[in-house]
Protein backbone atom coordinates (compact mmCIF):
# COMPACT_ATOMS: atom_id res chain seq x y z
CA MET A 1 0.21 -0.08 0.58
CA TYR A 2 1.11 3.19 -0.67
CA ASP A 3 -0.07 6.68 0.24
CA GLN A 4 -2.83 8.12 -0.90
CA ARG A 5 -1.17 10.88 -3.88
CA THR A 6 0.67 7.86 -5.03
CA ASN A 7 -1.99 5.32 -4.77
CA ASP A 8 -4.47 7.47 -6.89
CA GLU A 9 -1.25 8.42 -9.43
CA ILE A 10 -0.73 4.49 -9.45
CA ASP A 11 -4.71 3.08 -9.84
CA GLN A 12 -4.81 6.00 -12.39
CA ALA A 13 -2.23 4.40 -14.68
CA PHE A 14 -3.43 1.03 -14.13
CA ARG A 15 -6.78 1.93 -15.17
CA GLN A 16 -5.39 3.76 -18.44
CA ALA A 17 -3.42 0.38 -19.51
CA GLU A 18 -0.28 1.69 -19.24
CA ARG A 19 2.37 -0.78 -19.15
CA ARG A 20 4.64 1.10 -16.31
CA VAL A 21 4.72 4.28 -14.13
CA GLU A 22 7.34 6.34 -12.78
CA ILE A 23 6.25 7.67 -8.99
CA LEU A 24 8.48 9.22 -6.52
CA ILE A 25 8.92 7.28 -2.99
CA VAL A 26 10.40 8.99 -0.15
CA GLY A 27 13.17 10.60 -2.62
CA GLN A 28 13.74 7.43 -5.00
CA LEU A 29 12.40 7.43 -8.44
CA TYR A 30 10.24 4.06 -8.62
CA VAL A 31 9.01 1.88 -11.60
CA ILE A 32 5.37 0.51 -11.18
CA ASP A 33 5.70 -2.29 -13.87
CA PHE A 34 2.27 -3.37 -14.52
CA GLU A 35 2.96 -6.48 -17.13
CA ASN A 36 5.59 -8.03 -15.21
CA MET A 37 3.54 -6.51 -11.31
CA GLU A 38 7.39 -5.65 -9.69
CA GLN A 39 8.06 -2.59 -8.43
CA TYR A 40 12.09 -1.39 -8.63
CA ARG A 41 14.46 1.82 -8.17
CA LEU A 42 14.77 2.80 -11.61
CA ASN A 43 18.67 3.38 -10.55
CA ASP A 44 18.11 -0.38 -9.05
CA THR A 45 17.00 -2.87 -12.05
CA GLN A 46 18.38 -5.65 -10.07
CA ARG A 47 16.32 -5.56 -6.74
CA ARG A 48 12.61 -6.62 -7.56
CA ARG A 49 9.41 -6.56 -5.35
CA ARG A 50 6.41 -8.62 -6.38
CA ILE A 51 3.16 -5.83 -6.29
CA LYS A 52 -0.44 -6.76 -6.27
CA TYR A 53 -3.87 -4.76 -7.64
CA ASP A 54 -5.91 -5.19 -4.76
CA LEU A 55 -9.19 -3.49 -3.20
CA ILE A 56 -8.39 -0.35 -0.54
CA SER A 57 -10.44 -2.54 2.02
CA ALA A 58 -7.98 -5.50 1.29
CA PRO A 59 -5.77 -6.40 4.81
CA LYS A 60 -2.50 -4.38 5.22
CA LYS A 61 0.99 -4.92 6.71
CA GLY A 62 1.91 -1.13 6.07
CA VAL A 63 1.95 1.74 3.91
CA ALA A 64 5.22 2.85 2.35
CA GLY A 65 7.60 0.64 3.91
CA LEU A 66 6.12 1.38 7.43
CA LYS A 67 3.89 -1.45 9.84
CA LEU A 68 0.90 -0.58 10.67
CA ASP A 69 0.29 -0.46 14.39
CA PRO A 70 -1.54 -3.94 14.85
CA GLN A 71 -3.71 -2.68 17.32
CA ARG A 72 -5.78 -0.84 15.65
């Protein structure tokens, strides 16, 4: 899960059937690759993380790399 602004930008690109989108996350430029459902830094393409497109109501571990408080 991403912050709301980033999430909206990714969602818009996905709905417009773009193959990928570049976004700024915590001062780093990332690529969200919809074809391979991966996220990676633009300057480090070797380290990739799988992503999934999910409902906003789905359970989450955290937002933008920060763990959520499990007692919430």
